[in-house]
Amino acid sequence: MTPDGPRAHRNEGVQISGGTQYGPIAGGPEAAQATVYQAYSADPSSTEQPPAQQELLRAVAALRRDLAALIAERPGALEPDAAQDAEQSLAQAESEAGQAQPRQGRLRRRVQAVADALGDVGALAAGVTAVQAAFDRLFASG
C-alpha cells in the first residue's frame, strides 16, 4: 500500500542506466510502452571467437572510444547527423560482429556506413581503416 492509498500510481519517469538509447522511448503510468534497441557488446577477449573476429571487435570498440572522445573534446568537429549515424552504425557493427556467425552482408553495410559518416574526419581515419581491414581479414576466405 502506498501512502496515497491502495490505488495510487507512482510514476518515477523514464530511467535508463548503462548505455546509450537508440530509438524511441516513452514513459508514464498505465499503458505507456517503450521500444528499446540494445546493442550486444561482445567481449573481444573471448576465446570462443576466431582471432580475426576478435580483431574486428577490438577495432570497432577502439573506434567507438575514439569517436566518443572526439565528440567530448571537440563538440563541433562532426556534424550531429554524421556523429549519430557513426555511433549507431558502430553499435550495430559491434553487435553483428559479436554473433557466433556474423552475417557478412549486414556487417559490410555497417562498416561502410561508418566509413561514409567518418571518412572525412582526419582524427578518426586510422580507426576507420583498422575496422575496414579487420572486416576484410574476417571474411578473406569467404
N, C-alpha and C. Protein backbone atom coordinates (compact mmCIF):
# COMPACT_ATOMS: atom_id res chain seq x y z
N MET A 1 0.85 -1.18 0.00
CA MET A 1 0.00 0.00 0.00
C MET A 1 0.89 1.23 0.00
N THR A 2 0.56 2.20 -0.83
CA THR A 2 1.33 3.44 -0.88
C THR A 2 0.75 4.45 0.08
N PRO A 3 1.50 5.49 0.41
CA PRO A 3 0.99 6.50 1.33
C PRO A 3 -0.28 7.18 0.81
N ASP A 4 -0.50 7.19 -0.50
CA ASP A 4 -1.66 7.86 -1.07
C ASP A 4 -2.86 6.94 -1.21
N GLY A 5 -2.75 5.71 -0.79
CA GLY A 5 -3.87 4.80 -0.88
C GLY A 5 -3.53 3.61 -1.77
N PRO A 6 -4.36 2.60 -1.77
CA PRO A 6 -4.06 1.36 -2.47
C PRO A 6 -4.09 1.50 -3.99
N ARG A 7 -4.77 2.47 -4.55
CA ARG A 7 -4.91 2.57 -6.00
C ARG A 7 -4.08 3.70 -6.59
N ALA A 8 -3.26 4.35 -5.79
CA ALA A 8 -2.44 5.46 -6.29
C ALA A 8 -1.33 4.93 -7.18
N HIS A 9 -1.03 5.65 -8.25
CA HIS A 9 0.03 5.29 -9.16
C HIS A 9 1.22 6.18 -8.89
N ARG A 10 2.36 5.59 -8.93
CA ARG A 10 3.59 6.34 -8.71
C ARG A 10 4.40 6.28 -10.00
N ASN A 11 4.65 7.42 -10.59
CA ASN A 11 5.41 7.48 -11.84
C ASN A 11 6.77 8.08 -11.55
N GLU A 12 7.80 7.25 -11.65
CA GLU A 12 9.16 7.70 -11.41
C GLU A 12 9.79 8.28 -12.67
N GLY A 13 9.08 8.21 -13.79
CA GLY A 13 9.63 8.70 -15.05
C GLY A 13 10.46 7.62 -15.73
N VAL A 14 11.11 8.00 -16.79
CA VAL A 14 11.93 7.07 -17.55
C VAL A 14 13.33 7.07 -16.96
N GLN A 15 13.83 5.90 -16.67
CA GLN A 15 15.17 5.76 -16.13
C GLN A 15 15.95 4.83 -17.02
N ILE A 16 17.12 5.30 -17.47
CA ILE A 16 17.99 4.49 -18.32
C ILE A 16 19.33 4.41 -17.64
N SER A 17 19.85 3.21 -17.56
CA SER A 17 21.13 3.02 -16.92
C SER A 17 21.98 2.09 -17.77
N GLY A 18 23.24 2.46 -17.94
CA GLY A 18 24.18 1.54 -18.54
C GLY A 18 24.36 1.61 -20.04
N GLY A 19 23.97 2.69 -20.67
CA GLY A 19 24.26 2.75 -22.09
C GLY A 19 23.48 3.79 -22.83
N THR A 20 23.71 3.84 -24.11
CA THR A 20 23.05 4.78 -24.98
C THR A 20 21.77 4.17 -25.50
N GLN A 21 20.72 4.96 -25.55
CA GLN A 21 19.42 4.51 -26.03
C GLN A 21 19.27 4.97 -27.47
N TYR A 22 19.09 4.02 -28.39
CA TYR A 22 18.80 4.33 -29.77
C TYR A 22 17.36 3.96 -30.04
N GLY A 23 16.63 4.83 -30.67
CA GLY A 23 15.25 4.55 -30.99
C GLY A 23 14.32 5.24 -30.02
N PRO A 24 13.02 5.13 -30.28
CA PRO A 24 12.04 5.83 -29.46
C PRO A 24 11.93 5.22 -28.06
N ILE A 25 11.53 6.06 -27.13
CA ILE A 25 11.29 5.60 -25.77
C ILE A 25 10.16 6.44 -25.19
N ALA A 26 9.34 5.82 -24.37
CA ALA A 26 8.22 6.53 -23.77
C ALA A 26 8.09 6.09 -22.33
N GLY A 27 7.48 6.91 -21.52
CA GLY A 27 7.26 6.54 -20.13
C GLY A 27 6.00 7.18 -19.61
N GLY A 28 5.47 6.62 -18.58
CA GLY A 28 4.27 7.17 -17.97
C GLY A 28 3.46 6.07 -17.31
N PRO A 29 2.43 6.45 -16.59
CA PRO A 29 1.61 5.46 -15.90
C PRO A 29 0.71 4.71 -16.87
N GLU A 30 0.17 3.63 -16.41
CA GLU A 30 -0.79 2.83 -17.14
C GLU A 30 -0.16 2.16 -18.36
N ALA A 31 -0.59 2.49 -19.56
CA ALA A 31 -0.28 1.72 -20.76
C ALA A 31 0.91 2.26 -21.56
N ALA A 32 1.80 3.00 -20.94
CA ALA A 32 2.95 3.50 -21.68
C ALA A 32 3.81 2.34 -22.16
N GLN A 33 4.35 2.46 -23.33
CA GLN A 33 5.18 1.41 -23.89
C GLN A 33 6.50 2.01 -24.32
N ALA A 34 7.51 1.22 -24.30
CA ALA A 34 8.83 1.67 -24.75
C ALA A 34 9.41 0.63 -25.67
N THR A 35 10.12 1.11 -26.68
CA THR A 35 10.85 0.23 -27.57
C THR A 35 12.32 0.47 -27.31
N VAL A 36 13.03 -0.58 -27.01
CA VAL A 36 14.44 -0.45 -26.69
C VAL A 36 15.24 -1.32 -27.63
N TYR A 37 16.25 -0.72 -28.25
CA TYR A 37 17.19 -1.45 -29.07
C TYR A 37 18.49 -1.49 -28.31
N GLN A 38 18.89 -2.65 -27.89
CA GLN A 38 20.11 -2.78 -27.11
C GLN A 38 21.16 -3.49 -27.94
N ALA A 39 22.29 -2.83 -28.07
CA ALA A 39 23.38 -3.43 -28.84
C ALA A 39 24.12 -4.44 -27.97
N TYR A 40 24.37 -5.60 -28.52
CA TYR A 40 25.14 -6.61 -27.84
C TYR A 40 26.60 -6.20 -27.88
N SER A 41 27.23 -6.18 -26.75
CA SER A 41 28.64 -5.81 -26.70
C SER A 41 29.43 -7.06 -26.34
N ALA A 42 30.01 -7.66 -27.35
CA ALA A 42 30.75 -8.89 -27.14
C ALA A 42 32.08 -8.61 -26.48
N ASP A 43 32.56 -9.57 -25.75
CA ASP A 43 33.86 -9.47 -25.10
C ASP A 43 34.94 -9.81 -26.12
N PRO A 44 35.74 -8.80 -26.54
CA PRO A 44 36.74 -9.06 -27.56
C PRO A 44 37.80 -10.06 -27.13
N SER A 45 37.94 -10.33 -25.85
CA SER A 45 38.97 -11.26 -25.39
C SER A 45 38.44 -12.70 -25.29
N SER A 46 37.20 -12.91 -25.68
CA SER A 46 36.62 -14.25 -25.62
C SER A 46 37.40 -15.21 -26.50
N THR A 47 37.66 -16.40 -25.97
CA THR A 47 38.41 -17.40 -26.72
C THR A 47 37.50 -18.21 -27.64
N GLU A 48 36.20 -18.01 -27.57
CA GLU A 48 35.27 -18.74 -28.41
C GLU A 48 35.23 -18.18 -29.83
N GLN A 49 35.75 -17.00 -30.04
CA GLN A 49 35.71 -16.36 -31.34
C GLN A 49 37.07 -16.51 -32.03
N PRO A 50 37.05 -16.66 -33.36
CA PRO A 50 38.31 -16.72 -34.09
C PRO A 50 39.10 -15.41 -33.91
N PRO A 51 40.41 -15.47 -34.05
CA PRO A 51 41.23 -14.27 -33.88
C PRO A 51 40.81 -13.11 -34.78
N ALA A 52 40.42 -13.37 -36.02
CA ALA A 52 40.01 -12.29 -36.91
C ALA A 52 38.73 -11.61 -36.42
N GLN A 53 37.85 -12.38 -35.83
CA GLN A 53 36.61 -11.81 -35.28
C GLN A 53 36.94 -10.97 -34.04
N GLN A 54 37.83 -11.46 -33.20
CA GLN A 54 38.27 -10.69 -32.02
C GLN A 54 38.92 -9.39 -32.46
N GLU A 55 39.73 -9.45 -33.52
CA GLU A 55 40.39 -8.25 -34.03
C GLU A 55 39.36 -7.21 -34.47
N LEU A 56 38.34 -7.65 -35.18
CA LEU A 56 37.30 -6.73 -35.62
C LEU A 56 36.58 -6.11 -34.44
N LEU A 57 36.26 -6.92 -33.44
CA LEU A 57 35.59 -6.39 -32.25
C LEU A 57 36.46 -5.36 -31.54
N ARG A 58 37.76 -5.64 -31.44
CA ARG A 58 38.67 -4.67 -30.82
C ARG A 58 38.75 -3.38 -31.62
N ALA A 59 38.81 -3.50 -32.95
CA ALA A 59 38.90 -2.31 -33.81
C ALA A 59 37.64 -1.45 -33.70
N VAL A 60 36.48 -2.10 -33.68
CA VAL A 60 35.22 -1.37 -33.55
C VAL A 60 35.15 -0.69 -32.18
N ALA A 61 35.52 -1.41 -31.12
CA ALA A 61 35.48 -0.83 -29.77
C ALA A 61 36.44 0.36 -29.66
N ALA A 62 37.62 0.25 -30.27
CA ALA A 62 38.59 1.35 -30.23
C ALA A 62 38.06 2.57 -30.98
N LEU A 63 37.44 2.35 -32.14
CA LEU A 63 36.88 3.47 -32.90
C LEU A 63 35.72 4.11 -32.15
N ARG A 64 34.91 3.31 -31.49
CA ARG A 64 33.81 3.88 -30.68
C ARG A 64 34.37 4.76 -29.57
N ARG A 65 35.44 4.31 -28.92
CA ARG A 65 36.07 5.13 -27.86
C ARG A 65 36.64 6.41 -28.44
N ASP A 66 37.33 6.30 -29.58
CA ASP A 66 37.92 7.48 -30.21
C ASP A 66 36.85 8.48 -30.65
N LEU A 67 35.76 7.98 -31.19
CA LEU A 67 34.65 8.84 -31.61
C LEU A 67 34.05 9.56 -30.41
N ALA A 68 33.81 8.82 -29.34
CA ALA A 68 33.24 9.43 -28.13
C ALA A 68 34.19 10.50 -27.57
N ALA A 69 35.49 10.22 -27.58
CA ALA A 69 36.46 11.19 -27.08
C ALA A 69 36.48 12.44 -27.95
N LEU A 70 36.43 12.26 -29.27
CA LEU A 70 36.43 13.41 -30.18
C LEU A 70 35.20 14.28 -29.96
N ILE A 71 34.05 13.64 -29.82
CA ILE A 71 32.81 14.39 -29.58
C ILE A 71 32.88 15.15 -28.27
N ALA A 72 33.44 14.52 -27.24
CA ALA A 72 33.55 15.16 -25.93
C ALA A 72 34.55 16.32 -25.94
N GLU A 73 35.68 16.12 -26.62
CA GLU A 73 36.74 17.13 -26.61
C GLU A 73 36.49 18.27 -27.59
N ARG A 74 35.89 17.95 -28.74
CA ARG A 74 35.65 18.95 -29.78
C ARG A 74 34.24 18.79 -30.31
N PRO A 75 33.25 19.30 -29.59
CA PRO A 75 31.85 19.06 -29.95
C PRO A 75 31.48 19.46 -31.38
N GLY A 76 32.12 20.44 -31.97
CA GLY A 76 31.78 20.86 -33.32
C GLY A 76 32.58 20.18 -34.41
N ALA A 77 33.41 19.22 -34.05
CA ALA A 77 34.28 18.56 -35.03
C ALA A 77 33.49 17.72 -36.04
N LEU A 78 32.33 17.26 -35.66
CA LEU A 78 31.49 16.44 -36.54
C LEU A 78 30.10 17.04 -36.61
N GLU A 79 29.47 16.90 -37.75
CA GLU A 79 28.07 17.28 -37.85
C GLU A 79 27.27 16.32 -36.97
N PRO A 80 26.26 16.81 -36.27
CA PRO A 80 25.48 15.94 -35.37
C PRO A 80 24.92 14.70 -36.06
N ASP A 81 24.42 14.85 -37.30
CA ASP A 81 23.86 13.70 -38.01
C ASP A 81 24.93 12.65 -38.30
N ALA A 82 26.11 13.10 -38.70
CA ALA A 82 27.21 12.17 -39.00
C ALA A 82 27.65 11.44 -37.74
N ALA A 83 27.74 12.17 -36.64
CA ALA A 83 28.14 11.56 -35.37
C ALA A 83 27.11 10.51 -34.94
N GLN A 84 25.83 10.86 -35.04
CA GLN A 84 24.78 9.92 -34.65
C GLN A 84 24.78 8.69 -35.57
N ASP A 85 24.92 8.90 -36.87
CA ASP A 85 24.98 7.77 -37.81
C ASP A 85 26.15 6.86 -37.49
N ALA A 86 27.31 7.46 -37.22
CA ALA A 86 28.50 6.67 -36.92
C ALA A 86 28.33 5.88 -35.63
N GLU A 87 27.81 6.53 -34.59
CA GLU A 87 27.61 5.85 -33.31
C GLU A 87 26.65 4.67 -33.48
N GLN A 88 25.57 4.90 -34.18
CA GLN A 88 24.58 3.84 -34.36
C GLN A 88 25.15 2.70 -35.22
N SER A 89 25.85 3.04 -36.28
CA SER A 89 26.43 2.00 -37.15
C SER A 89 27.52 1.21 -36.42
N LEU A 90 28.31 1.89 -35.59
CA LEU A 90 29.33 1.18 -34.81
C LEU A 90 28.69 0.22 -33.81
N ALA A 91 27.63 0.66 -33.16
CA ALA A 91 26.93 -0.22 -32.21
C ALA A 91 26.36 -1.44 -32.93
N GLN A 92 25.78 -1.22 -34.10
CA GLN A 92 25.22 -2.33 -34.87
C GLN A 92 26.32 -3.25 -35.40
N ALA A 93 27.44 -2.66 -35.82
CA ALA A 93 28.57 -3.48 -36.29
C ALA A 93 29.13 -4.32 -35.16
N GLU A 94 29.24 -3.75 -33.99
CA GLU A 94 29.74 -4.49 -32.84
C GLU A 94 28.79 -5.63 -32.48
N SER A 95 27.51 -5.36 -32.53
CA SER A 95 26.53 -6.39 -32.24
C SER A 95 26.61 -7.53 -33.24
N GLU A 96 26.68 -7.20 -34.50
CA GLU A 96 26.75 -8.23 -35.54
C GLU A 96 28.08 -8.99 -35.47
N ALA A 97 29.17 -8.29 -35.26
CA ALA A 97 30.49 -8.93 -35.20
C ALA A 97 30.60 -9.86 -33.99
N GLY A 98 29.81 -9.62 -32.97
CA GLY A 98 29.84 -10.45 -31.78
C GLY A 98 29.02 -11.72 -31.88
N GLN A 99 28.27 -11.86 -32.96
CA GLN A 99 27.45 -13.05 -33.15
C GLN A 99 28.34 -14.27 -33.42
N ALA A 100 27.81 -15.45 -33.12
CA ALA A 100 28.55 -16.68 -33.39
C ALA A 100 28.88 -16.81 -34.87
N GLN A 101 27.96 -16.42 -35.72
CA GLN A 101 28.15 -16.44 -37.17
C GLN A 101 27.78 -15.07 -37.73
N PRO A 102 28.71 -14.11 -37.71
CA PRO A 102 28.39 -12.78 -38.24
C PRO A 102 27.98 -12.86 -39.70
N ARG A 103 26.97 -12.09 -40.06
CA ARG A 103 26.49 -12.08 -41.45
C ARG A 103 27.31 -11.06 -42.23
N GLN A 104 28.00 -11.54 -43.23
CA GLN A 104 28.94 -10.73 -43.99
C GLN A 104 28.28 -9.50 -44.63
N GLY A 105 27.14 -9.69 -45.29
CA GLY A 105 26.47 -8.58 -45.96
C GLY A 105 26.02 -7.51 -45.00
N ARG A 106 25.41 -7.93 -43.90
CA ARG A 106 24.94 -6.96 -42.90
C ARG A 106 26.11 -6.22 -42.29
N LEU A 107 27.16 -6.93 -41.96
CA LEU A 107 28.34 -6.31 -41.35
C LEU A 107 29.03 -5.37 -42.35
N ARG A 108 29.09 -5.77 -43.61
CA ARG A 108 29.69 -4.91 -44.65
C ARG A 108 28.94 -3.57 -44.73
N ARG A 109 27.62 -3.62 -44.68
CA ARG A 109 26.82 -2.39 -44.74
C ARG A 109 27.09 -1.49 -43.54
N ARG A 110 27.25 -2.09 -42.37
CA ARG A 110 27.53 -1.29 -41.16
C ARG A 110 28.91 -0.64 -41.24
N VAL A 111 29.89 -1.42 -41.67
CA VAL A 111 31.26 -0.89 -41.79
C VAL A 111 31.29 0.21 -42.84
N GLN A 112 30.57 0.04 -43.94
CA GLN A 112 30.52 1.09 -44.98
C GLN A 112 29.84 2.34 -44.45
N ALA A 113 28.78 2.18 -43.66
CA ALA A 113 28.09 3.34 -43.09
C ALA A 113 29.03 4.11 -42.17
N VAL A 114 29.86 3.40 -41.41
CA VAL A 114 30.84 4.05 -40.55
C VAL A 114 31.84 4.83 -41.40
N ALA A 115 32.33 4.20 -42.45
CA ALA A 115 33.30 4.86 -43.33
C ALA A 115 32.68 6.09 -44.00
N ASP A 116 31.42 5.99 -44.41
CA ASP A 116 30.74 7.13 -45.03
C ASP A 116 30.59 8.28 -44.05
N ALA A 117 30.23 7.96 -42.81
CA ALA A 117 30.00 9.01 -41.81
C ALA A 117 31.29 9.65 -41.32
N LEU A 118 32.37 8.87 -41.26
CA LEU A 118 33.61 9.37 -40.64
C LEU A 118 34.77 9.49 -41.63
N GLY A 119 34.53 9.22 -42.88
CA GLY A 119 35.60 9.18 -43.87
C GLY A 119 36.40 10.47 -44.00
N ASP A 120 35.78 11.61 -43.73
CA ASP A 120 36.45 12.89 -43.88
C ASP A 120 37.03 13.42 -42.57
N VAL A 121 37.00 12.64 -41.53
CA VAL A 121 37.47 13.09 -40.22
C VAL A 121 38.88 12.55 -40.00
N GLY A 122 39.86 13.41 -40.18
CA GLY A 122 41.25 13.00 -40.10
C GLY A 122 41.62 12.34 -38.79
N ALA A 123 41.07 12.82 -37.68
CA ALA A 123 41.40 12.29 -36.36
C ALA A 123 40.94 10.84 -36.19
N LEU A 124 40.01 10.41 -37.02
CA LEU A 124 39.46 9.05 -36.89
C LEU A 124 39.83 8.15 -38.07
N ALA A 125 40.59 8.66 -39.01
CA ALA A 125 40.92 7.92 -40.23
C ALA A 125 41.61 6.59 -39.94
N ALA A 126 42.56 6.58 -39.02
CA ALA A 126 43.27 5.33 -38.70
C ALA A 126 42.30 4.30 -38.12
N GLY A 127 41.37 4.73 -37.29
CA GLY A 127 40.40 3.81 -36.71
C GLY A 127 39.45 3.25 -37.75
N VAL A 128 39.01 4.10 -38.68
CA VAL A 128 38.13 3.63 -39.76
C VAL A 128 38.86 2.60 -40.61
N THR A 129 40.12 2.90 -40.94
CA THR A 129 40.93 1.97 -41.74
C THR A 129 41.12 0.65 -41.00
N ALA A 130 41.35 0.70 -39.70
CA ALA A 130 41.53 -0.52 -38.91
C ALA A 130 40.27 -1.38 -38.92
N VAL A 131 39.11 -0.76 -38.82
CA VAL A 131 37.85 -1.50 -38.85
C VAL A 131 37.67 -2.15 -40.23
N GLN A 132 37.92 -1.38 -41.29
CA GLN A 132 37.77 -1.93 -42.64
C GLN A 132 38.74 -3.10 -42.88
N ALA A 133 39.98 -2.94 -42.44
CA ALA A 133 40.98 -4.00 -42.64
C ALA A 133 40.62 -5.25 -41.83
N ALA A 134 40.13 -5.07 -40.61
CA ALA A 134 39.73 -6.21 -39.78
C ALA A 134 38.54 -6.93 -40.40
N PHE A 135 37.60 -6.18 -40.96
CA PHE A 135 36.46 -6.78 -41.66
C PHE A 135 36.98 -7.63 -42.83
N ASP A 136 37.89 -7.05 -43.62
CA ASP A 136 38.44 -7.77 -44.78
C ASP A 136 39.12 -9.07 -44.36
N ARG A 137 39.87 -9.03 -43.25
CA ARG A 137 40.55 -10.25 -42.78
C ARG A 137 39.56 -11.31 -42.29
N LEU A 138 38.49 -10.85 -41.65
CA LEU A 138 37.50 -11.80 -41.13
C LEU A 138 36.85 -12.58 -42.27
N PHE A 139 36.59 -11.90 -43.38
CA PHE A 139 35.89 -12.55 -44.48
C PHE A 139 36.79 -12.82 -45.69
N ALA A 140 38.09 -12.84 -45.47
CA ALA A 140 39.05 -13.05 -46.57
C ALA A 140 38.85 -14.40 -47.25
N SER A 141 38.48 -15.41 -46.50
CA SER A 141 38.34 -16.74 -47.11
C SER A 141 36.92 -17.01 -47.58
N GLY A 142 36.00 -16.03 -47.29
CA GLY A 142 34.62 -16.29 -47.66
C GLY A 142 34.09 -15.45 -48.68
